[in-house]
Amino acid sequence: MIYNLISVKRVIAKVFTDLDLKEDTQRVKDFIEWAGEAFEKIGAFPMLEKVIAGKGGEPLIPVSNYQAPLPDGLHSITQVAFSEDEDGPFHAMRTSSGSFDYTRGRTIEDPNNPGEYITEDEKEDTYSYEYGLIYTLVPGYIRTNIKEGYLLLSYTRIPTDDDGYPMIPENISFQEAVYWYIVMKLMYPKWAQGQVRDMVYFDSRSSWNFYRKQAYGEAMMPNADNLESIKNAWLKIVPELGAHDNFFSTVGEEQVIYNHNR
């Protein structure tokens, strides 16, 4: 489990101390970049910052002409909801699934004239609710099948401190993993040029691999409360087919079924 975060500055300071480096001769910006690479390569989603555009001080995302820009720093999208008004209600969206689907301009049957076909641009926007709210992703943008409105976007991003440095879990395995990744990157060009013995370079690489796996395992390990939600999600007699529509808010609840025949 991940509980607290620290700036990667602490790990970078350890690199300078342990390797007896002089700050004015080192590429600190590269250290920051390498720390971000290590963060990505560990790959445990609980260490990412969970953000909801539209809550917690984050602005809603306005849709204009069927599309909206994706937030800066977005790592992955969890779920998307749409509303015509800022105050809601918000309805769950899904990604388009048809081979030839396009969120704008799809040909559909005219609800008022069966057998006749129109494009989505020619219908009332509210008609999209009947066929489902869908979106597609293109680099930098999310495209919807509604021309105007607002998106409530649940997504993750890499946490950063006030200076833009990546933040990592306050966990010794994560700190060691990032530390050894930076050391490995420092040693590689020297090793390639024959300035560092094989043992030195391969020790840094094996240490990075060891702590990377350990950090991933510790981040993904659930606590007792997580296990309770996991148990409730798996032990269900009746599947919750509509869970997506209520944003999976009840998936972790214990299912209670009453027998009215008794």
C-alpha atoms as a PDB file:
ATOM      1  CA  MET A   1       0.000   0.000   0.000  1.00  0.00           C
ATOM      2  CA  ILE A   2       1.068   3.585  -0.687  1.00  0.00           C
ATOM      3  CA  TYR A   3       0.336   6.122   2.045  1.00  0.00           C
ATOM      4  CA  ASN A   4       2.731   9.080   1.797  1.00  0.00           C
ATOM      5  CA  LEU A   5       4.856  10.654  -0.916  1.00  0.00           C
ATOM      6  CA  ILE A   6       8.228  12.395  -0.884  1.00  0.00           C
ATOM      7  CA  SER A   7      10.027  14.455  -3.497  1.00  0.00           C
ATOM      8  CA  VAL A   8      12.589  12.639  -5.596  1.00  0.00           C
ATOM      9  CA  LYS A   9      15.005  15.374  -4.449  1.00  0.00           C
ATOM     10  CA  ARG A  10      15.763  13.186  -1.434  1.00  0.00           C
ATOM     11  CA  VAL A  11      16.896  10.324  -3.650  1.00  0.00           C
ATOM     12  CA  ILE A  12      18.946  12.639  -5.860  1.00  0.00           C
ATOM     13  CA  ALA A  13      20.665  14.005  -2.753  1.00  0.00           C
ATOM     14  CA  LYS A  14      21.527  10.429  -1.761  1.00  0.00           C
ATOM     15  CA  VAL A  15      23.097   9.834  -5.193  1.00  0.00           C
ATOM     16  CA  PHE A  16      25.320  12.891  -4.767  1.00  0.00           C
ATOM     17  CA  THR A  17      26.305  11.843  -1.253  1.00  0.00           C
ATOM     18  CA  ASP A  18      26.977   8.157  -1.910  1.00  0.00           C
ATOM     19  CA  LEU A  19      28.934   8.689  -5.142  1.00  0.00           C
ATOM     20  CA  ASP A  20      30.717  11.803  -3.845  1.00  0.00           C
ATOM     21  CA  LEU A  21      29.548  13.886  -6.794  1.00  0.00           C
ATOM     22  CA  LYS A  22      29.958  17.622  -7.256  1.00  0.00           C
ATOM     23  CA  GLU A  23      26.681  19.339  -8.045  1.00  0.00           C
ATOM     24  CA  ASP A  24      28.148  21.825 -10.518  1.00  0.00           C
ATOM     25  CA  THR A  25      29.556  19.023 -12.698  1.00  0.00           C
ATOM     26  CA  GLN A  26      26.475  16.769 -12.814  1.00  0.00           C
ATOM     27  CA  ARG A  27      23.397  16.776 -15.040  1.00  0.00           C
ATOM     28  CA  VAL A  28      20.704  17.223 -12.411  1.00  0.00           C
ATOM     29  CA  LYS A  29      17.995  17.564 -15.075  1.00  0.00           C
ATOM     30  CA  ASP A  30      18.970  14.127 -16.339  1.00  0.00           C
ATOM     31  CA  PHE A  31      18.629  12.755 -12.804  1.00  0.00           C
ATOM     32  CA  ILE A  32      15.063  14.068 -12.708  1.00  0.00           C
ATOM     33  CA  GLU A  33      14.312  12.535 -16.100  1.00  0.00           C
ATOM     34  CA  TRP A  34      15.759   9.191 -15.027  1.00  0.00           C
ATOM     35  CA  ALA A  35      13.709   9.277 -11.829  1.00  0.00           C
ATOM     36  CA  GLY A  36      10.585   9.715 -13.945  1.00  0.00           C
ATOM     37  CA  GLU A  37      11.644   6.786 -16.137  1.00  0.00           C
ATOM     38  CA  ALA A  38      12.130   4.592 -13.065  1.00  0.00           C
ATOM     39  CA  PHE A  39       8.678   5.638 -11.822  1.00  0.00           C
ATOM     40  CA  GLU A  40       7.110   4.547 -15.114  1.00  0.00           C
ATOM     41  CA  LYS A  41       9.039   1.279 -15.293  1.00  0.00           C
ATOM     42  CA  ILE A  42       8.015   0.205 -11.792  1.00  0.00           C
ATOM     43  CA  GLY A  43       4.493   0.407 -13.177  1.00  0.00           C
ATOM     44  CA  ALA A  44       2.383   0.113 -10.010  1.00  0.00           C
ATOM     45  CA  PHE A  45      -0.803   2.124 -10.452  1.00  0.00           C
ATOM     46  CA  PRO A  46      -1.375   2.904  -6.717  1.00  0.00           C
ATOM     47  CA  MET A  47       1.646   5.237  -6.777  1.00  0.00           C
ATOM     48  CA  LEU A  48      -0.064   7.493  -9.321  1.00  0.00           C
ATOM     49  CA  GLU A  49      -2.050  10.519  -8.217  1.00  0.00           C
ATOM     50  CA  LYS A  50      -5.796  10.030  -8.665  1.00  0.00           C
ATOM     51  CA  VAL A  51      -7.488  13.145 -10.058  1.00  0.00           C
ATOM     52  CA  ILE A  52     -11.092  13.998 -10.905  1.00  0.00           C
ATOM     53  CA  ALA A  53     -11.524  16.901 -13.302  1.00  0.00           C
ATOM     54  CA  GLY A  54     -14.554  18.637 -11.834  1.00  0.00           C
ATOM     55  CA  LYS A  55     -13.884  17.921  -8.147  1.00  0.00           C
ATOM     56  CA  GLY A  56     -11.303  18.804  -5.511  1.00  0.00           C
ATOM     57  CA  GLY A  57     -10.444  22.129  -7.102  1.00  0.00           C
ATOM     58  CA  GLU A  58      -9.886  20.612 -10.544  1.00  0.00           C
ATOM     59  CA  PRO A  59     -11.996  22.309 -13.263  1.00  0.00           C
ATOM     60  CA  LEU A  60     -14.554  20.489 -15.369  1.00  0.00           C
ATOM     61  CA  ILE A  61     -13.531  19.875 -18.959  1.00  0.00           C
ATOM     62  CA  PRO A  62     -15.774  21.755 -21.417  1.00  0.00           C
ATOM     63  CA  VAL A  63     -16.679  20.060 -24.698  1.00  0.00           C
ATOM     64  CA  SER A  64     -16.712  22.348 -27.722  1.00  0.00           C
ATOM     65  CA  ASN A  65     -17.538  21.213 -31.247  1.00  0.00           C
ATOM     66  CA  TYR A  66     -17.470  17.521 -30.231  1.00  0.00           C
ATOM     67  CA  GLN A  67     -14.056  17.544 -28.584  1.00  0.00           C
ATOM     68  CA  ALA A  68     -12.063  18.666 -25.550  1.00  0.00           C
ATOM     69  CA  PRO A  69      -8.330  18.844 -24.780  1.00  0.00           C
ATOM     70  CA  LEU A  70      -6.944  16.256 -22.385  1.00  0.00           C
ATOM     71  CA  PRO A  71      -5.489  17.564 -19.089  1.00  0.00           C
ATOM     72  CA  ASP A  72      -1.756  18.207 -18.825  1.00  0.00           C
ATOM     73  CA  GLY A  73       0.176  15.394 -17.178  1.00  0.00           C
ATOM     74  CA  LEU A  74      -2.514  12.782 -17.791  1.00  0.00           C
ATOM     75  CA  HIS A  75      -1.169   9.256 -17.423  1.00  0.00           C
ATOM     76  CA  SER A  76      -4.276   7.111 -17.897  1.00  0.00           C
ATOM     77  CA  ILE A  77      -8.053   7.574 -17.931  1.00  0.00           C
ATOM     78  CA  THR A  78     -10.197   5.668 -15.435  1.00  0.00           C
ATOM     79  CA  GLN A  79     -13.697   6.742 -16.488  1.00  0.00           C
ATOM     80  CA  VAL A  80     -15.498   9.562 -18.266  1.00  0.00           C
ATOM     81  CA  ALA A  81     -18.921  11.073 -17.549  1.00  0.00           C
ATOM     82  CA  PHE A  82     -20.873  13.702 -19.508  1.00  0.00           C
ATOM     83  CA  SER A  83     -23.435  16.373 -18.691  1.00  0.00           C
ATOM     84  CA  GLU A  84     -25.002  19.158 -20.691  1.00  0.00           C
ATOM     85  CA  ASP A  85     -24.809  21.404 -17.614  1.00  0.00           C
ATOM     86  CA  GLU A  86     -21.978  22.149 -15.210  1.00  0.00           C
ATOM     87  CA  ASP A  87     -24.102  21.044 -12.263  1.00  0.00           C
ATOM     88  CA  GLY A  88     -25.036  17.683 -13.775  1.00  0.00           C
ATOM     89  CA  PRO A  89     -26.484  15.164 -13.713  1.00  0.00           C
ATOM     90  CA  PHE A  90     -23.539  13.297 -15.198  1.00  0.00           C
ATOM     91  CA  HIS A  91     -23.968  10.147 -17.256  1.00  0.00           C
ATOM     92  CA  ALA A  92     -21.325   7.456 -17.786  1.00  0.00           C
ATOM     93  CA  MET A  93     -19.692   7.317 -21.207  1.00  0.00           C
ATOM     94  CA  ARG A  94     -18.047   4.405 -22.977  1.00  0.00           C
ATOM     95  CA  THR A  95     -15.423   4.140 -25.689  1.00  0.00           C
ATOM     96  CA  SER A  96     -16.626   3.529 -29.225  1.00  0.00           C
ATOM     97  CA  SER A  97     -16.488  -0.152 -30.165  1.00  0.00           C
ATOM     98  CA  GLY A  98     -17.493  -0.341 -33.827  1.00  0.00           C
ATOM     99  CA  SER A  99     -14.826  -0.829 -36.470  1.00  0.00           C
ATOM    100  CA  PHE A 100     -16.130   2.197 -38.373  1.00  0.00           C
ATOM    101  CA  ASP A 101     -17.439   4.216 -35.455  1.00  0.00           C
ATOM    102  CA  TYR A 102     -16.597   7.867 -35.355  1.00  0.00           C
ATOM    103  CA  THR A 103     -18.013  10.028 -32.640  1.00  0.00           C
ATOM    104  CA  ARG A 104     -19.110  12.706 -35.040  1.00  0.00           C
ATOM    105  CA  GLY A 105     -21.179  12.206 -38.168  1.00  0.00           C
ATOM    106  CA  ARG A 106     -22.186   8.534 -37.727  1.00  0.00           C
ATOM    107  CA  THR A 107     -25.074   7.427 -39.916  1.00  0.00           C
ATOM    108  CA  ILE A 108     -27.998   6.261 -37.790  1.00  0.00           C
ATOM    109  CA  GLU A 109     -31.676   5.521 -38.295  1.00  0.00           C
ATOM    110  CA  ASP A 110     -33.937   8.532 -37.896  1.00  0.00           C
ATOM    111  CA  PRO A 111     -36.046   7.882 -34.751  1.00  0.00           C
ATOM    112  CA  ASN A 112     -38.898   9.923 -36.221  1.00  0.00           C
ATOM    113  CA  ASN A 113     -38.855   8.216 -39.631  1.00  0.00           C
ATOM    114  CA  PRO A 114     -38.069   4.489 -39.440  1.00  0.00           C
ATOM    115  CA  GLY A 115     -36.217   3.298 -42.503  1.00  0.00           C
ATOM    116  CA  GLU A 116     -34.715   6.730 -43.116  1.00  0.00           C
ATOM    117  CA  TYR A 117     -31.121   7.505 -42.138  1.00  0.00           C
ATOM    118  CA  ILE A 118     -29.493  10.709 -40.966  1.00  0.00           C
ATOM    119  CA  THR A 119     -26.090  11.673 -39.588  1.00  0.00           C
ATOM    120  CA  GLU A 120     -25.653  12.373 -35.920  1.00  0.00           C
ATOM    121  CA  ASP A 121     -24.943  16.008 -36.753  1.00  0.00           C
ATOM    122  CA  GLU A 122     -28.489  16.307 -38.096  1.00  0.00           C
ATOM    123  CA  LYS A 123     -30.248  15.050 -34.999  1.00  0.00           C
ATOM    124  CA  GLU A 124     -30.902  16.542 -31.625  1.00  0.00           C
ATOM    125  CA  ASP A 125     -27.924  16.046 -29.314  1.00  0.00           C
ATOM    126  CA  THR A 126     -30.129  14.529 -26.610  1.00  0.00           C
ATOM    127  CA  TYR A 127     -30.834  11.644 -29.003  1.00  0.00           C
ATOM    128  CA  SER A 128     -27.289  10.424 -28.288  1.00  0.00           C
ATOM    129  CA  TYR A 129     -28.456   9.348 -24.851  1.00  0.00           C
ATOM    130  CA  GLU A 130     -30.628   6.684 -26.489  1.00  0.00           C
ATOM    131  CA  TYR A 131     -27.722   5.241 -28.451  1.00  0.00           C
ATOM    132  CA  GLY A 132     -25.236   5.748 -25.654  1.00  0.00           C
ATOM    133  CA  LEU A 133     -22.687   8.402 -24.853  1.00  0.00           C
ATOM    134  CA  ILE A 134     -19.431   7.416 -26.514  1.00  0.00           C
ATOM    135  CA  TYR A 135     -15.988   8.884 -26.946  1.00  0.00           C
ATOM    136  CA  THR A 136     -12.769   8.224 -28.777  1.00  0.00           C
ATOM    137  CA  LEU A 137      -9.249   9.301 -27.902  1.00  0.00           C
ATOM    138  CA  VAL A 138      -6.816  10.971 -30.270  1.00  0.00           C
ATOM    139  CA  PRO A 139      -3.435  12.435 -29.272  1.00  0.00           C
ATOM    140  CA  GLY A 140      -4.150  15.359 -26.967  1.00  0.00           C
ATOM    141  CA  TYR A 141      -7.947  15.254 -27.303  1.00  0.00           C
ATOM    142  CA  ILE A 142     -11.065  13.353 -26.361  1.00  0.00           C
ATOM    143  CA  ARG A 143     -13.851  13.346 -28.965  1.00  0.00           C
ATOM    144  CA  THR A 144     -17.489  12.833 -28.043  1.00  0.00           C
ATOM    145  CA  ASN A 145     -20.792  12.264 -29.836  1.00  0.00           C
ATOM    146  CA  ILE A 146     -22.315  15.330 -28.164  1.00  0.00           C
ATOM    147  CA  LYS A 147     -21.434  18.739 -29.578  1.00  0.00           C
ATOM    148  CA  GLU A 148     -21.384  20.805 -26.378  1.00  0.00           C
ATOM    149  CA  GLY A 149     -21.297  20.017 -22.674  1.00  0.00           C
ATOM    150  CA  TYR A 150     -18.980  19.125 -19.813  1.00  0.00           C
ATOM    151  CA  LEU A 151     -16.854  16.120 -18.923  1.00  0.00           C
ATOM    152  CA  LEU A 152     -16.269  14.737 -15.457  1.00  0.00           C
ATOM    153  CA  LEU A 153     -12.975  12.945 -15.999  1.00  0.00           C
ATOM    154  CA  SER A 154     -11.401  10.482 -13.572  1.00  0.00           C
ATOM    155  CA  TYR A 155      -7.737   9.962 -14.414  1.00  0.00           C
ATOM    156  CA  THR A 156      -4.258   9.451 -12.995  1.00  0.00           C
ATOM    157  CA  ARG A 157      -1.065  11.455 -13.325  1.00  0.00           C
ATOM    158  CA  ILE A 158       2.470  11.332 -11.957  1.00  0.00           C
ATOM    159  CA  PRO A 159       2.520  13.430  -8.759  1.00  0.00           C
ATOM    160  CA  THR A 160       4.986  16.326  -8.666  1.00  0.00           C
ATOM    161  CA  ASP A 161       6.153  18.746  -5.978  1.00  0.00           C
ATOM    162  CA  ASP A 162       6.010  22.557  -6.160  1.00  0.00           C
ATOM    163  CA  ASP A 163       9.189  22.621  -8.246  1.00  0.00           C
ATOM    164  CA  GLY A 164       7.957  20.055 -10.744  1.00  0.00           C
ATOM    165  CA  TYR A 165      10.058  17.185  -9.388  1.00  0.00           C
ATOM    166  CA  PRO A 166       8.388  13.755  -9.460  1.00  0.00           C
ATOM    167  CA  MET A 167       7.164  12.519  -6.102  1.00  0.00           C
ATOM    168  CA  ILE A 168       7.624   8.880  -5.117  1.00  0.00           C
ATOM    169  CA  PRO A 169       6.169   6.795  -2.289  1.00  0.00           C
ATOM    170  CA  GLU A 170       7.821   7.256   1.092  1.00  0.00           C
ATOM    171  CA  ASN A 171       8.879   3.645   0.976  1.00  0.00           C
ATOM    172  CA  ILE A 172      12.437   2.321   1.169  1.00  0.00           C
ATOM    173  CA  SER A 173      11.956  -0.060  -1.759  1.00  0.00           C
ATOM    174  CA  PHE A 174      10.833   2.766  -4.038  1.00  0.00           C
ATOM    175  CA  GLN A 175      13.656   5.010  -2.898  1.00  0.00           C
ATOM    176  CA  GLU A 176      16.216   2.277  -3.484  1.00  0.00           C
ATOM    177  CA  ALA A 177      14.734   1.420  -6.886  1.00  0.00           C
ATOM    178  CA  VAL A 178      14.922   5.017  -8.115  1.00  0.00           C
ATOM    179  CA  TYR A 179      18.386   5.414  -6.572  1.00  0.00           C
ATOM    180  CA  TRP A 180      19.785   2.362  -8.343  1.00  0.00           C
ATOM    181  CA  TYR A 181      18.170   3.298 -11.645  1.00  0.00           C
ATOM    182  CA  ILE A 182      19.943   6.673 -11.570  1.00  0.00           C
ATOM    183  CA  VAL A 183      23.229   4.984 -10.591  1.00  0.00           C
ATOM    184  CA  MET A 184      22.829   2.451 -13.405  1.00  0.00           C
ATOM    185  CA  LYS A 185      22.248   5.230 -15.925  1.00  0.00           C
ATOM    186  CA  LEU A 186      25.331   7.050 -14.653  1.00  0.00           C
ATOM    187  CA  MET A 187      27.478   3.932 -14.874  1.00  0.00           C
ATOM    188  CA  TYR A 188      26.409   2.767 -18.325  1.00  0.00           C
ATOM    189  CA  PRO A 189      28.416   5.218 -20.501  1.00  0.00           C
ATOM    190  CA  LYS A 190      31.483   4.693 -18.305  1.00  0.00           C
ATOM    191  CA  TRP A 191      31.066   0.926 -18.559  1.00  0.00           C
ATOM    192  CA  ALA A 192      30.599   1.132 -22.339  1.00  0.00           C
ATOM    193  CA  GLN A 193      33.867   3.082 -22.594  1.00  0.00           C
ATOM    194  CA  GLY A 194      35.722   0.607 -20.392  1.00  0.00           C
ATOM    195  CA  GLN A 195      36.100   3.052 -17.486  1.00  0.00           C
ATOM    196  CA  VAL A 196      34.041   0.925 -15.075  1.00  0.00           C
ATOM    197  CA  ARG A 197      34.464  -2.771 -14.370  1.00  0.00           C
ATOM    198  CA  ASP A 198      31.727  -5.188 -15.422  1.00  0.00           C
ATOM    199  CA  MET A 199      31.015  -6.087 -11.808  1.00  0.00           C
ATOM    200  CA  VAL A 200      30.296  -2.477 -10.855  1.00  0.00           C
ATOM    201  CA  TYR A 201      27.868  -1.856 -13.699  1.00  0.00           C
ATOM    202  CA  PHE A 202      26.086  -5.211 -13.430  1.00  0.00           C
ATOM    203  CA  ASP A 203      25.721  -4.766  -9.672  1.00  0.00           C
ATOM    204  CA  SER A 204      23.842  -1.491 -10.235  1.00  0.00           C
ATOM    205  CA  ARG A 205      21.650  -3.135 -12.875  1.00  0.00           C
ATOM    206  CA  SER A 206      20.793  -6.153 -10.726  1.00  0.00           C
ATOM    207  CA  SER A 207      20.073  -3.886  -7.731  1.00  0.00           C
ATOM    208  CA  TRP A 208      17.682  -1.820  -9.856  1.00  0.00           C
ATOM    209  CA  ASN A 209      15.862  -4.966 -11.018  1.00  0.00           C
ATOM    210  CA  PHE A 210      15.620  -6.332  -7.472  1.00  0.00           C
ATOM    211  CA  TYR A 211      14.201  -3.167  -5.914  1.00  0.00           C
ATOM    212  CA  ARG A 212      11.942  -2.473  -8.908  1.00  0.00           C
ATOM    213  CA  LYS A 213      10.124  -5.776  -8.350  1.00  0.00           C
ATOM    214  CA  GLN A 214      10.060  -5.292  -4.591  1.00  0.00           C
ATOM    215  CA  ALA A 215       8.613  -1.790  -4.930  1.00  0.00           C
ATOM    216  CA  TYR A 216       5.927  -3.036  -7.307  1.00  0.00           C
ATOM    217  CA  GLY A 217       4.939  -5.812  -4.904  1.00  0.00           C
ATOM    218  CA  GLU A 218       4.701  -3.493  -1.919  1.00  0.00           C
ATOM    219  CA  ALA A 219       2.612  -0.964  -3.836  1.00  0.00           C
ATOM    220  CA  MET A 220       0.165  -3.584  -5.068  1.00  0.00           C
ATOM    221  CA  MET A 221      -0.242  -5.377  -1.729  1.00  0.00           C
ATOM    222  CA  PRO A 222      -3.782  -4.676  -0.420  1.00  0.00           C
ATOM    223  CA  ASN A 223      -4.538  -3.952   3.207  1.00  0.00           C
ATOM    224  CA  ALA A 224      -7.452  -5.488   5.133  1.00  0.00           C
ATOM    225  CA  ASP A 225      -9.975  -2.926   3.878  1.00  0.00           C
ATOM    226  CA  ASN A 226      -8.929  -3.447   0.263  1.00  0.00           C
ATOM    227  CA  LEU A 227      -9.255  -7.191   0.707  1.00  0.00           C
ATOM    228  CA  GLU A 228     -12.791  -6.746   2.016  1.00  0.00           C
ATOM    229  CA  SER A 229     -13.791  -4.823  -1.108  1.00  0.00           C
ATOM    230  CA  ILE A 230     -12.075  -7.399  -3.332  1.00  0.00           C
ATOM    231  CA  LYS A 231     -13.924 -10.209  -1.545  1.00  0.00           C
ATOM    232  CA  ASN A 232     -17.265  -8.464  -1.981  1.00  0.00           C
ATOM    233  CA  ALA A 233     -16.559  -7.816  -5.656  1.00  0.00           C
ATOM    234  CA  TRP A 234     -15.858 -11.490  -6.332  1.00  0.00           C
ATOM    235  CA  LEU A 235     -18.476 -13.173  -4.121  1.00  0.00           C
ATOM    236  CA  LYS A 236     -21.665 -12.152  -5.895  1.00  0.00           C
ATOM    237  CA  ILE A 237     -24.523 -14.415  -6.949  1.00  0.00           C
ATOM    238  CA  VAL A 238     -26.124 -11.775  -9.187  1.00  0.00           C
ATOM    239  CA  PRO A 239     -23.710  -9.942 -11.508  1.00  0.00           C
ATOM    240  CA  GLU A 240     -23.849  -6.143 -11.364  1.00  0.00           C
ATOM    241  CA  LEU A 241     -24.311  -5.544 -15.062  1.00  0.00           C
ATOM    242  CA  GLY A 242     -25.099  -1.873 -14.536  1.00  0.00           C
ATOM    243  CA  ALA A 243     -22.044  -1.086 -12.425  1.00  0.00           C
ATOM    244  CA  HIS A 244     -20.532   1.086 -15.141  1.00  0.00           C
ATOM    245  CA  ASP A 245     -23.561   3.389 -15.110  1.00  0.00           C
ATOM    246  CA  ASN A 246     -23.187   4.162 -11.396  1.00  0.00           C
ATOM    247  CA  PHE A 247     -19.388   4.497 -11.747  1.00  0.00           C
ATOM    248  CA  PHE A 248     -18.695   1.175  -9.955  1.00  0.00           C
ATOM    249  CA  SER A 249     -19.587   2.786  -6.615  1.00  0.00           C
ATOM    250  CA  THR A 250     -21.307  -0.349  -5.256  1.00  0.00           C
ATOM    251  CA  VAL A 251     -18.949  -3.039  -6.589  1.00  0.00           C
ATOM    252  CA  GLY A 252     -17.127  -3.286  -3.273  1.00  0.00           C
ATOM    253  CA  GLU A 253     -20.308  -3.574  -1.218  1.00  0.00           C
ATOM    254  CA  GLU A 254     -21.511  -6.890   0.152  1.00  0.00           C
ATOM    255  CA  GLN A 255     -24.417  -8.199  -1.904  1.00  0.00           C
ATOM    256  CA  VAL A 256     -27.563  -8.949   0.074  1.00  0.00           C
ATOM    257  CA  ILE A 257     -30.296 -11.025  -1.590  1.00  0.00           C
ATOM    258  CA  TYR A 258     -33.648 -11.545   0.130  1.00  0.00           C
ATOM    259  CA  ASN A 259     -35.677 -14.697  -0.398  1.00  0.00           C
ATOM    260  CA  HIS A 260     -39.293 -13.510  -0.474  1.00  0.00           C
ATOM    261  CA  ASN A 261     -40.619 -17.069  -0.851  1.00  0.00           C
ATOM    262  CA  ARG A 262     -39.781 -18.012   2.710  1.00  0.00           C
END
